[in-house]
Amino acid sequence: MSNKVLVVVDMQEDFVYGALRNDDAINIVGSVVNKVRQFEGEVVFTMDTHSKNYLDTQEGKRLPVEHCIRDTKGWQLIEPLRDFQLEKGCRIFEKETFGCKALVSWLSSLKSSDTYENEASVIVCSNAYEYEASGMASRDVYECESSAMAGSDVYECETSEIAGSNAYEYETSGMVGSNDSENQASNMAGGSLAGNDAYKCENDGLRDVIDEIELIGVCTDICVISNALLLKTFFPEVTIKVDAACCAGINHESHEMALKAMQMCQIEIYNSDF
């Protein structure tokens, strides 16, 4: 079992060649493909995934360009990576926003080498959507319980080991229709978050299984940085790395600003210009 994970962020048609075409993204395709093929560890992919009502969402109102709409060509991974994913049966994590909750949920579930090696799923979907229409699903689907976000007040990430509990109920304090300003996540591990000695985010036990998580892809200044900081937050004792040569931002200046911001947060940046 390898102790490294490579997260390929949103290398989809719309971000590279389509609706949000980016020359910098096109320029890193060769490096990304080579990296994926040569990586000694598990390769997983995130996919930005929107529905037809995208323009009515918060993101759509701020970025009124339809992109990565499920089942469209622009939603697909770019061809070389799509071929690799099909060949290797790599996991895919759909996400409706910048950070990927399903990725965190899967990593949190890796409690031991046995559970890691016996994991049957290829695709992890934030809304339990089976990505079989495009032929990418070859085994079982791992359903992230964050799908409850659409109709429930409770985000149950039951595989988390925070504070030694397997029932980390992240009650999202009003994410669905509540006016309570207090963060109900204080119910973690059966105690109050404030002043509870039992709440210790000791890496969630992931360090026993994974030594290093590396991120590449697009956009450096949006989804790469969001997921890098998300992973650093949940798994502070796991090395989080970003290969700058395999990332592209909205523009070069924004790309470099994002890299520097991640570096300030103790994420290891390499192959950068600074």
C-alpha atoms as a PDB file:
ATOM      1  CA  MET A   1       0.000   0.000   0.000  1.00  0.00           C
ATOM      2  CA  SER A   2       1.346   3.423  -0.940  1.00  0.00           C
ATOM      3  CA  ASN A   3       1.364   6.167   1.670  1.00  0.00           C
ATOM      4  CA  LYS A   4       0.941   9.022  -0.807  1.00  0.00           C
ATOM      5  CA  VAL A   5      -2.115  10.489  -2.517  1.00  0.00           C
ATOM      6  CA  LEU A   6      -2.152  12.758  -5.563  1.00  0.00           C
ATOM      7  CA  VAL A   7      -5.271  14.923  -5.869  1.00  0.00           C
ATOM      8  CA  VAL A   8      -5.838  16.153  -9.421  1.00  0.00           C
ATOM      9  CA  VAL A   9      -8.130  19.159  -9.091  1.00  0.00           C
ATOM     10  CA  ASP A  10     -10.744  19.925 -11.762  1.00  0.00           C
ATOM     11  CA  MET A  11      -8.766  19.119 -14.915  1.00  0.00           C
ATOM     12  CA  GLN A  12     -11.973  19.242 -16.927  1.00  0.00           C
ATOM     13  CA  GLU A  13     -12.745  20.273 -20.483  1.00  0.00           C
ATOM     14  CA  ASP A  14     -14.465  23.535 -19.549  1.00  0.00           C
ATOM     15  CA  PHE A  15     -11.552  24.750 -17.420  1.00  0.00           C
ATOM     16  CA  VAL A  16      -8.936  23.908 -20.027  1.00  0.00           C
ATOM     17  CA  TYR A  17     -10.449  24.130 -23.528  1.00  0.00           C
ATOM     18  CA  GLY A  18     -14.098  25.097 -23.050  1.00  0.00           C
ATOM     19  CA  ALA A  19     -16.278  27.745 -21.422  1.00  0.00           C
ATOM     20  CA  LEU A  20     -13.492  28.983 -19.128  1.00  0.00           C
ATOM     21  CA  ARG A  21     -10.638  28.232 -21.513  1.00  0.00           C
ATOM     22  CA  ASN A  22      -7.272  29.146 -20.050  1.00  0.00           C
ATOM     23  CA  ASP A  23      -3.987  29.189 -21.962  1.00  0.00           C
ATOM     24  CA  ASP A  24      -2.036  28.640 -18.752  1.00  0.00           C
ATOM     25  CA  ALA A  25      -4.128  25.541 -18.069  1.00  0.00           C
ATOM     26  CA  ILE A  26      -3.481  24.292 -21.593  1.00  0.00           C
ATOM     27  CA  ASN A  27       0.228  24.783 -21.045  1.00  0.00           C
ATOM     28  CA  ILE A  28       0.336  22.496 -17.998  1.00  0.00           C
ATOM     29  CA  VAL A  29      -1.574  19.590 -19.574  1.00  0.00           C
ATOM     30  CA  GLY A  30       1.587  17.721 -20.583  1.00  0.00           C
ATOM     31  CA  SER A  31       3.150  18.128 -17.139  1.00  0.00           C
ATOM     32  CA  VAL A  32      -0.045  17.040 -15.395  1.00  0.00           C
ATOM     33  CA  VAL A  33      -0.435  13.933 -17.565  1.00  0.00           C
ATOM     34  CA  ASN A  34       3.198  12.942 -17.013  1.00  0.00           C
ATOM     35  CA  LYS A  35       2.881  13.498 -13.276  1.00  0.00           C
ATOM     36  CA  VAL A  36      -0.233  11.369 -13.044  1.00  0.00           C
ATOM     37  CA  ARG A  37       1.322   8.529 -15.034  1.00  0.00           C
ATOM     38  CA  GLN A  38       4.545   8.521 -13.015  1.00  0.00           C
ATOM     39  CA  PHE A  39       3.097   9.094  -9.548  1.00  0.00           C
ATOM     40  CA  GLU A  40       3.917   6.363  -7.055  1.00  0.00           C
ATOM     41  CA  GLY A  41       0.781   6.323  -4.965  1.00  0.00           C
ATOM     42  CA  GLU A  42      -2.965   6.653  -5.321  1.00  0.00           C
ATOM     43  CA  VAL A  43      -4.256   9.155  -7.860  1.00  0.00           C
ATOM     44  CA  VAL A  44      -7.716  10.644  -7.299  1.00  0.00           C
ATOM     45  CA  PHE A  45      -9.625  13.317  -9.186  1.00  0.00           C
ATOM     46  CA  THR A  46     -12.001  16.076  -8.152  1.00  0.00           C
ATOM     47  CA  MET A  47     -14.614  17.285 -10.608  1.00  0.00           C
ATOM     48  CA  ASP A  48     -16.462  20.570 -10.450  1.00  0.00           C
ATOM     49  CA  THR A  49     -20.083  19.540 -10.909  1.00  0.00           C
ATOM     50  CA  HIS A  50     -22.982  21.910 -11.486  1.00  0.00           C
ATOM     51  CA  SER A  51     -26.620  21.472 -12.425  1.00  0.00           C
ATOM     52  CA  LYS A  52     -28.712  23.305 -14.976  1.00  0.00           C
ATOM     53  CA  ASN A  53     -29.731  25.908 -12.404  1.00  0.00           C
ATOM     54  CA  TYR A  54     -26.110  27.020 -11.978  1.00  0.00           C
ATOM     55  CA  LEU A  55     -26.885  30.653 -12.825  1.00  0.00           C
ATOM     56  CA  ASP A  56     -29.313  30.775  -9.880  1.00  0.00           C
ATOM     57  CA  THR A  57     -26.647  29.724  -7.384  1.00  0.00           C
ATOM     58  CA  GLN A  58     -24.388  32.004  -5.341  1.00  0.00           C
ATOM     59  CA  GLU A  59     -21.435  31.078  -7.540  1.00  0.00           C
ATOM     60  CA  GLY A  60     -23.436  31.527 -10.721  1.00  0.00           C
ATOM     61  CA  LYS A  61     -24.464  35.039  -9.746  1.00  0.00           C
ATOM     62  CA  ARG A  62     -20.821  35.991  -9.217  1.00  0.00           C
ATOM     63  CA  LEU A  63     -19.439  34.036 -12.174  1.00  0.00           C
ATOM     64  CA  PRO A  64     -22.278  34.012 -14.726  1.00  0.00           C
ATOM     65  CA  VAL A  65     -20.614  31.562 -17.098  1.00  0.00           C
ATOM     66  CA  GLU A  66     -22.180  28.114 -17.266  1.00  0.00           C
ATOM     67  CA  HIS A  67     -19.491  25.466 -16.925  1.00  0.00           C
ATOM     68  CA  CYS A  68     -19.023  21.858 -15.842  1.00  0.00           C
ATOM     69  CA  ILE A  69     -22.735  21.125 -16.109  1.00  0.00           C
ATOM     70  CA  ARG A  70     -23.243  17.443 -15.391  1.00  0.00           C
ATOM     71  CA  ASP A  71     -23.411  15.194 -18.462  1.00  0.00           C
ATOM     72  CA  THR A  72     -22.013  17.848 -20.810  1.00  0.00           C
ATOM     73  CA  LYS A  73     -18.725  17.572 -22.661  1.00  0.00           C
ATOM     74  CA  GLY A  74     -17.296  20.420 -20.626  1.00  0.00           C
ATOM     75  CA  TRP A  75     -17.888  18.427 -17.432  1.00  0.00           C
ATOM     76  CA  GLN A  76     -15.642  15.580 -18.539  1.00  0.00           C
ATOM     77  CA  LEU A  77     -12.017  15.181 -17.528  1.00  0.00           C
ATOM     78  CA  ILE A  78      -9.701  16.137 -20.375  1.00  0.00           C
ATOM     79  CA  GLU A  79      -9.136  13.168 -22.658  1.00  0.00           C
ATOM     80  CA  PRO A  80      -5.678  11.928 -21.527  1.00  0.00           C
ATOM     81  CA  LEU A  81      -6.764  11.981 -17.886  1.00  0.00           C
ATOM     82  CA  ARG A  82     -10.134  10.435 -18.700  1.00  0.00           C
ATOM     83  CA  ASP A  83      -8.317   7.565 -20.394  1.00  0.00           C
ATOM     84  CA  PHE A  84      -6.005   7.164 -17.406  1.00  0.00           C
ATOM     85  CA  GLN A  85      -8.931   7.177 -14.974  1.00  0.00           C
ATOM     86  CA  LEU A  86     -10.735   4.498 -16.956  1.00  0.00           C
ATOM     87  CA  GLU A  87      -7.617   2.369 -17.220  1.00  0.00           C
ATOM     88  CA  LYS A  88      -6.695   2.574 -13.539  1.00  0.00           C
ATOM     89  CA  GLY A  89     -10.158   2.871 -12.020  1.00  0.00           C
ATOM     90  CA  CYS A  90      -9.201   5.974 -10.055  1.00  0.00           C
ATOM     91  CA  ARG A  91     -11.598   7.503  -7.574  1.00  0.00           C
ATOM     92  CA  ILE A  92     -13.487  10.619  -8.584  1.00  0.00           C
ATOM     93  CA  PHE A  93     -14.905  13.116  -6.111  1.00  0.00           C
ATOM     94  CA  GLU A  94     -17.632  15.434  -7.360  1.00  0.00           C
ATOM     95  CA  LYS A  95     -17.996  18.814  -5.731  1.00  0.00           C
ATOM     96  CA  GLU A  96     -20.556  21.566  -6.107  1.00  0.00           C
ATOM     97  CA  THR A  97     -18.285  24.286  -4.792  1.00  0.00           C
ATOM     98  CA  PHE A  98     -14.578  25.055  -4.438  1.00  0.00           C
ATOM     99  CA  GLY A  99     -13.642  22.728  -1.588  1.00  0.00           C
ATOM    100  CA  CYS A 100     -14.448  19.033  -1.759  1.00  0.00           C
ATOM    101  CA  LYS A 101     -16.223  17.650   1.330  1.00  0.00           C
ATOM    102  CA  ALA A 102     -16.327  14.146  -0.132  1.00  0.00           C
ATOM    103  CA  LEU A 103     -12.532  14.060  -0.431  1.00  0.00           C
ATOM    104  CA  VAL A 104     -12.175  14.903   3.262  1.00  0.00           C
ATOM    105  CA  SER A 105     -14.777  12.278   4.152  1.00  0.00           C
ATOM    106  CA  TRP A 106     -12.930   9.572   2.224  1.00  0.00           C
ATOM    107  CA  LEU A 107      -9.567  10.465   3.711  1.00  0.00           C
ATOM    108  CA  SER A 108     -11.121  10.496   7.180  1.00  0.00           C
ATOM    109  CA  SER A 109     -12.345   6.947   6.574  1.00  0.00           C
ATOM    110  CA  LEU A 110      -8.821   5.613   6.108  1.00  0.00           C
ATOM    111  CA  LYS A 111      -8.488   4.474   9.704  1.00  0.00           C
ATOM    112  CA  SER A 112      -6.090   1.636   9.060  1.00  0.00           C
ATOM    113  CA  SER A 113      -4.203  -0.032   6.274  1.00  0.00           C
ATOM    114  CA  ASP A 114      -6.871  -2.735   6.154  1.00  0.00           C
ATOM    115  CA  THR A 115      -9.722  -0.332   5.498  1.00  0.00           C
ATOM    116  CA  TYR A 116      -7.577   1.510   2.977  1.00  0.00           C
ATOM    117  CA  GLU A 117      -6.640  -1.593   1.032  1.00  0.00           C
ATOM    118  CA  ASN A 118     -10.126  -3.058   1.076  1.00  0.00           C
ATOM    119  CA  GLU A 119     -11.925   0.084  -0.040  1.00  0.00           C
ATOM    120  CA  ALA A 120     -14.035  -1.027  -3.001  1.00  0.00           C
ATOM    121  CA  SER A 121     -15.145   2.308  -4.332  1.00  0.00           C
ATOM    122  CA  VAL A 122     -13.805   4.095  -7.351  1.00  0.00           C
ATOM    123  CA  ILE A 123     -16.054   7.100  -7.356  1.00  0.00           C
ATOM    124  CA  VAL A 124     -16.924   9.295  -4.416  1.00  0.00           C
ATOM    125  CA  CYS A 125     -19.743  11.657  -5.214  1.00  0.00           C
ATOM    126  CA  SER A 126     -20.882  14.501  -3.005  1.00  0.00           C
ATOM    127  CA  ASN A 127     -24.441  13.827  -4.087  1.00  0.00           C
ATOM    128  CA  ALA A 128     -24.222  10.074  -4.596  1.00  0.00           C
ATOM    129  CA  TYR A 129     -24.495  10.548  -8.355  1.00  0.00           C
ATOM    130  CA  GLU A 130     -23.224   7.454 -10.123  1.00  0.00           C
ATOM    131  CA  TYR A 131     -20.904   8.552 -12.855  1.00  0.00           C
ATOM    132  CA  GLU A 132     -21.689   5.551 -15.024  1.00  0.00           C
ATOM    133  CA  ALA A 133     -23.168   7.416 -17.972  1.00  0.00           C
ATOM    134  CA  SER A 134     -19.725   8.161 -19.314  1.00  0.00           C
ATOM    135  CA  GLY A 135     -18.398   4.702 -18.553  1.00  0.00           C
ATOM    136  CA  MET A 136     -16.086   5.874 -15.801  1.00  0.00           C
ATOM    137  CA  ALA A 137     -17.563   3.776 -13.017  1.00  0.00           C
ATOM    138  CA  SER A 138     -16.158   0.266 -12.872  1.00  0.00           C
ATOM    139  CA  ARG A 139     -16.785  -0.698  -9.258  1.00  0.00           C
ATOM    140  CA  ASP A 140     -18.992   0.293  -6.362  1.00  0.00           C
ATOM    141  CA  VAL A 141     -19.843   3.881  -5.561  1.00  0.00           C
ATOM    142  CA  TYR A 142     -18.786   5.277  -2.205  1.00  0.00           C
ATOM    143  CA  GLU A 143     -21.611   7.562  -1.125  1.00  0.00           C
ATOM    144  CA  CYS A 144     -20.500  10.563   0.899  1.00  0.00           C
ATOM    145  CA  GLU A 145     -23.160  11.432   3.413  1.00  0.00           C
ATOM    146  CA  SER A 146     -22.765  15.102   2.669  1.00  0.00           C
ATOM    147  CA  SER A 147     -25.627  14.501   0.256  1.00  0.00           C
ATOM    148  CA  ALA A 148     -27.748  15.130   3.333  1.00  0.00           C
ATOM    149  CA  MET A 149     -26.871  18.804   2.962  1.00  0.00           C
ATOM    150  CA  ALA A 150     -29.598  19.173   0.357  1.00  0.00           C
ATOM    151  CA  GLY A 151     -32.381  18.228   2.726  1.00  0.00           C
ATOM    152  CA  SER A 152     -31.073  17.918   6.242  1.00  0.00           C
ATOM    153  CA  ASP A 153     -29.589  20.116   8.916  1.00  0.00           C
ATOM    154  CA  VAL A 154     -26.984  17.530   9.750  1.00  0.00           C
ATOM    155  CA  TYR A 155     -23.824  16.742   7.830  1.00  0.00           C
ATOM    156  CA  GLU A 156     -22.943  13.321   9.169  1.00  0.00           C
ATOM    157  CA  CYS A 157     -19.350  12.495   8.493  1.00  0.00           C
ATOM    158  CA  GLU A 158     -19.551   9.220  10.338  1.00  0.00           C
ATOM    159  CA  THR A 159     -16.122   7.986   9.352  1.00  0.00           C
ATOM    160  CA  SER A 160     -14.231  10.733  11.152  1.00  0.00           C
ATOM    161  CA  GLU A 161     -12.020   9.853  14.106  1.00  0.00           C
ATOM    162  CA  ILE A 162     -12.001  13.323  15.631  1.00  0.00           C
ATOM    163  CA  ALA A 163     -11.763  13.004  19.430  1.00  0.00           C
ATOM    164  CA  GLY A 164     -11.933   9.238  19.064  1.00  0.00           C
ATOM    165  CA  SER A 165     -15.525   9.249  17.915  1.00  0.00           C
ATOM    166  CA  ASN A 166     -16.931   7.547  14.848  1.00  0.00           C
ATOM    167  CA  ALA A 167     -20.037   9.707  14.936  1.00  0.00           C
ATOM    168  CA  TYR A 168     -18.823  13.210  14.217  1.00  0.00           C
ATOM    169  CA  GLU A 169     -22.101  14.978  13.522  1.00  0.00           C
ATOM    170  CA  TYR A 170     -21.350  18.318  11.964  1.00  0.00           C
ATOM    171  CA  GLU A 171     -24.576  20.161  12.668  1.00  0.00           C
ATOM    172  CA  THR A 172     -24.123  23.014  10.298  1.00  0.00           C
ATOM    173  CA  SER A 173     -25.621  25.789  12.440  1.00  0.00           C
ATOM    174  CA  GLY A 174     -28.286  27.080  10.154  1.00  0.00           C
ATOM    175  CA  MET A 175     -26.980  25.896   6.792  1.00  0.00           C
ATOM    176  CA  VAL A 176     -30.510  24.755   6.040  1.00  0.00           C
ATOM    177  CA  GLY A 177     -32.999  27.252   7.381  1.00  0.00           C
ATOM    178  CA  SER A 178     -31.761  27.785  10.937  1.00  0.00           C
ATOM    179  CA  ASN A 179     -31.240  31.194  12.554  1.00  0.00           C
ATOM    180  CA  ASP A 180     -29.098  29.863  15.385  1.00  0.00           C
ATOM    181  CA  SER A 181     -25.837  31.786  15.321  1.00  0.00           C
ATOM    182  CA  GLU A 182     -24.050  29.271  17.514  1.00  0.00           C
ATOM    183  CA  ASN A 183     -22.058  26.588  15.800  1.00  0.00           C
ATOM    184  CA  GLN A 184     -23.833  23.374  16.639  1.00  0.00           C
ATOM    185  CA  ALA A 185     -20.701  21.492  15.699  1.00  0.00           C
ATOM    186  CA  SER A 186     -19.969  21.831  19.424  1.00  0.00           C
ATOM    187  CA  ASN A 187     -21.679  18.451  19.726  1.00  0.00           C
ATOM    188  CA  MET A 188     -18.512  16.823  18.379  1.00  0.00           C
ATOM    189  CA  ALA A 189     -17.632  13.693  20.303  1.00  0.00           C
ATOM    190  CA  GLY A 190     -20.515  14.289  22.659  1.00  0.00           C
ATOM    191  CA  GLY A 191     -19.165  17.456  24.257  1.00  0.00           C
ATOM    192  CA  SER A 192     -18.870  21.179  23.895  1.00  0.00           C
ATOM    193  CA  LEU A 193     -16.304  22.372  21.369  1.00  0.00           C
ATOM    194  CA  ALA A 194     -15.386  25.271  23.646  1.00  0.00           C
ATOM    195  CA  GLY A 195     -13.512  24.058  26.695  1.00  0.00           C
ATOM    196  CA  ASN A 196     -13.840  20.368  25.949  1.00  0.00           C
ATOM    197  CA  ASP A 197     -10.498  18.658  26.429  1.00  0.00           C
ATOM    198  CA  ALA A 198     -11.791  15.655  24.526  1.00  0.00           C
ATOM    199  CA  TYR A 199     -11.810  17.577  21.243  1.00  0.00           C
ATOM    200  CA  LYS A 200      -8.348  17.153  19.859  1.00  0.00           C
ATOM    201  CA  CYS A 201      -7.862  17.153  16.116  1.00  0.00           C
ATOM    202  CA  GLU A 202      -4.853  14.881  16.299  1.00  0.00           C
ATOM    203  CA  ASN A 203      -4.664  14.394  12.541  1.00  0.00           C
ATOM    204  CA  ASP A 204      -7.764  12.152  12.704  1.00  0.00           C
ATOM    205  CA  GLY A 205      -5.428   9.157  12.684  1.00  0.00           C
ATOM    206  CA  LEU A 206      -4.727   9.660   8.997  1.00  0.00           C
ATOM    207  CA  ARG A 207      -0.976   9.950   9.531  1.00  0.00           C
ATOM    208  CA  ASP A 208      -0.913   6.234  10.364  1.00  0.00           C
ATOM    209  CA  VAL A 209      -1.996   5.564   6.777  1.00  0.00           C
ATOM    210  CA  ILE A 210      -1.073   8.583   4.625  1.00  0.00           C
ATOM    211  CA  ASP A 211       2.186  10.509   4.937  1.00  0.00           C
ATOM    212  CA  GLU A 212       1.670  12.944   2.092  1.00  0.00           C
ATOM    213  CA  ILE A 213      -1.104  14.472   0.000  1.00  0.00           C
ATOM    214  CA  GLU A 214      -0.121  16.398  -3.109  1.00  0.00           C
ATOM    215  CA  LEU A 215      -2.380  18.634  -5.179  1.00  0.00           C
ATOM    216  CA  ILE A 216      -2.147  19.697  -8.807  1.00  0.00           C
ATOM    217  CA  GLY A 217      -4.617  21.161 -11.297  1.00  0.00           C
ATOM    218  CA  VAL A 218      -6.798  24.240 -11.707  1.00  0.00           C
ATOM    219  CA  CYS A 219      -7.422  26.853 -10.688  1.00  0.00           C
ATOM    220  CA  THR A 220      -4.536  27.527  -8.317  1.00  0.00           C
ATOM    221  CA  ASP A 221      -6.257  30.603  -6.939  1.00  0.00           C
ATOM    222  CA  ILE A 222      -9.697  29.056  -6.459  1.00  0.00           C
ATOM    223  CA  CYS A 223     -10.125  25.298  -6.120  1.00  0.00           C
ATOM    224  CA  VAL A 224      -6.520  24.223  -5.572  1.00  0.00           C
ATOM    225  CA  ILE A 225      -5.997  26.633  -2.685  1.00  0.00           C
ATOM    226  CA  SER A 226      -9.460  25.856  -1.263  1.00  0.00           C
ATOM    227  CA  ASN A 227      -8.760  22.138  -1.132  1.00  0.00           C
ATOM    228  CA  ALA A 228      -5.184  22.537   0.075  1.00  0.00           C
ATOM    229  CA  LEU A 229      -6.353  24.632   3.045  1.00  0.00           C
ATOM    230  CA  LEU A 230      -9.278  22.285   3.683  1.00  0.00           C
ATOM    231  CA  LEU A 231      -6.926  19.302   3.862  1.00  0.00           C
ATOM    232  CA  LYS A 232      -4.458  21.192   6.047  1.00  0.00           C
ATOM    233  CA  THR A 233      -7.299  22.073   8.416  1.00  0.00           C
ATOM    234  CA  PHE A 234      -8.575  18.528   8.805  1.00  0.00           C
ATOM    235  CA  PHE A 235      -5.209  16.751   8.650  1.00  0.00           C
ATOM    236  CA  PRO A 236      -2.627  19.134  10.164  1.00  0.00           C
ATOM    237  CA  GLU A 237       0.017  16.445  10.722  1.00  0.00           C
ATOM    238  CA  VAL A 238      -0.074  15.121   7.160  1.00  0.00           C
ATOM    239  CA  THR A 239       2.311  16.793   4.707  1.00  0.00           C
ATOM    240  CA  ILE A 240       0.287  18.772   2.157  1.00  0.00           C
ATOM    241  CA  LYS A 241       2.177  19.692  -1.018  1.00  0.00           C
ATOM    242  CA  VAL A 242       1.453  21.588  -4.228  1.00  0.00           C
ATOM    243  CA  ASP A 243       3.459  21.223  -7.432  1.00  0.00           C
ATOM    244  CA  ALA A 244       3.349  24.739  -8.864  1.00  0.00           C
ATOM    245  CA  ALA A 245       4.483  23.535 -12.293  1.00  0.00           C
ATOM    246  CA  CYS A 246       1.344  21.401 -12.552  1.00  0.00           C
ATOM    247  CA  CYS A 247      -1.077  24.158 -11.533  1.00  0.00           C
ATOM    248  CA  ALA A 248      -2.568  27.123 -13.364  1.00  0.00           C
ATOM    249  CA  GLY A 249      -4.503  30.113 -12.064  1.00  0.00           C
ATOM    250  CA  ILE A 250      -6.816  32.651 -13.639  1.00  0.00           C
ATOM    251  CA  ASN A 251      -3.628  34.510 -14.559  1.00  0.00           C
ATOM    252  CA  HIS A 252       0.016  34.211 -13.592  1.00  0.00           C
ATOM    253  CA  GLU A 253      -0.124  36.929 -10.962  1.00  0.00           C
ATOM    254  CA  SER A 254      -3.104  35.376  -9.207  1.00  0.00           C
ATOM    255  CA  HIS A 255      -1.457  31.951  -9.494  1.00  0.00           C
ATOM    256  CA  GLU A 256       1.645  33.203  -7.664  1.00  0.00           C
ATOM    257  CA  MET A 257      -0.388  35.014  -5.005  1.00  0.00           C
ATOM    258  CA  ALA A 258      -2.262  31.796  -4.245  1.00  0.00           C
ATOM    259  CA  LEU A 259       0.976  29.815  -4.020  1.00  0.00           C
ATOM    260  CA  LYS A 260       2.419  32.333  -1.569  1.00  0.00           C
ATOM    261  CA  ALA A 261      -0.765  32.275   0.511  1.00  0.00           C
ATOM    262  CA  MET A 262      -0.597  28.483   0.733  1.00  0.00           C
ATOM    263  CA  GLN A 263       3.072  28.630   1.638  1.00  0.00           C
ATOM    264  CA  MET A 264       2.249  30.984   4.502  1.00  0.00           C
ATOM    265  CA  CYS A 265      -0.155  28.325   5.780  1.00  0.00           C
ATOM    266  CA  GLN A 266       2.653  25.740   5.883  1.00  0.00           C
ATOM    267  CA  ILE A 267       1.699  23.981   2.687  1.00  0.00           C
ATOM    268  CA  GLU A 268       4.815  22.896   0.831  1.00  0.00           C
ATOM    269  CA  ILE A 269       5.168  24.567  -2.578  1.00  0.00           C
ATOM    270  CA  TYR A 270       7.741  23.386  -5.068  1.00  0.00           C
ATOM    271  CA  ASN A 271       8.639  24.026  -8.713  1.00  0.00           C
ATOM    272  CA  SER A 272       7.583  27.661  -8.254  1.00  0.00           C
ATOM    273  CA  ASP A 273       9.146  30.838  -9.654  1.00  0.00           C
ATOM    274  CA  PHE A 274       9.773  32.332  -6.210  1.00  0.00           C
END
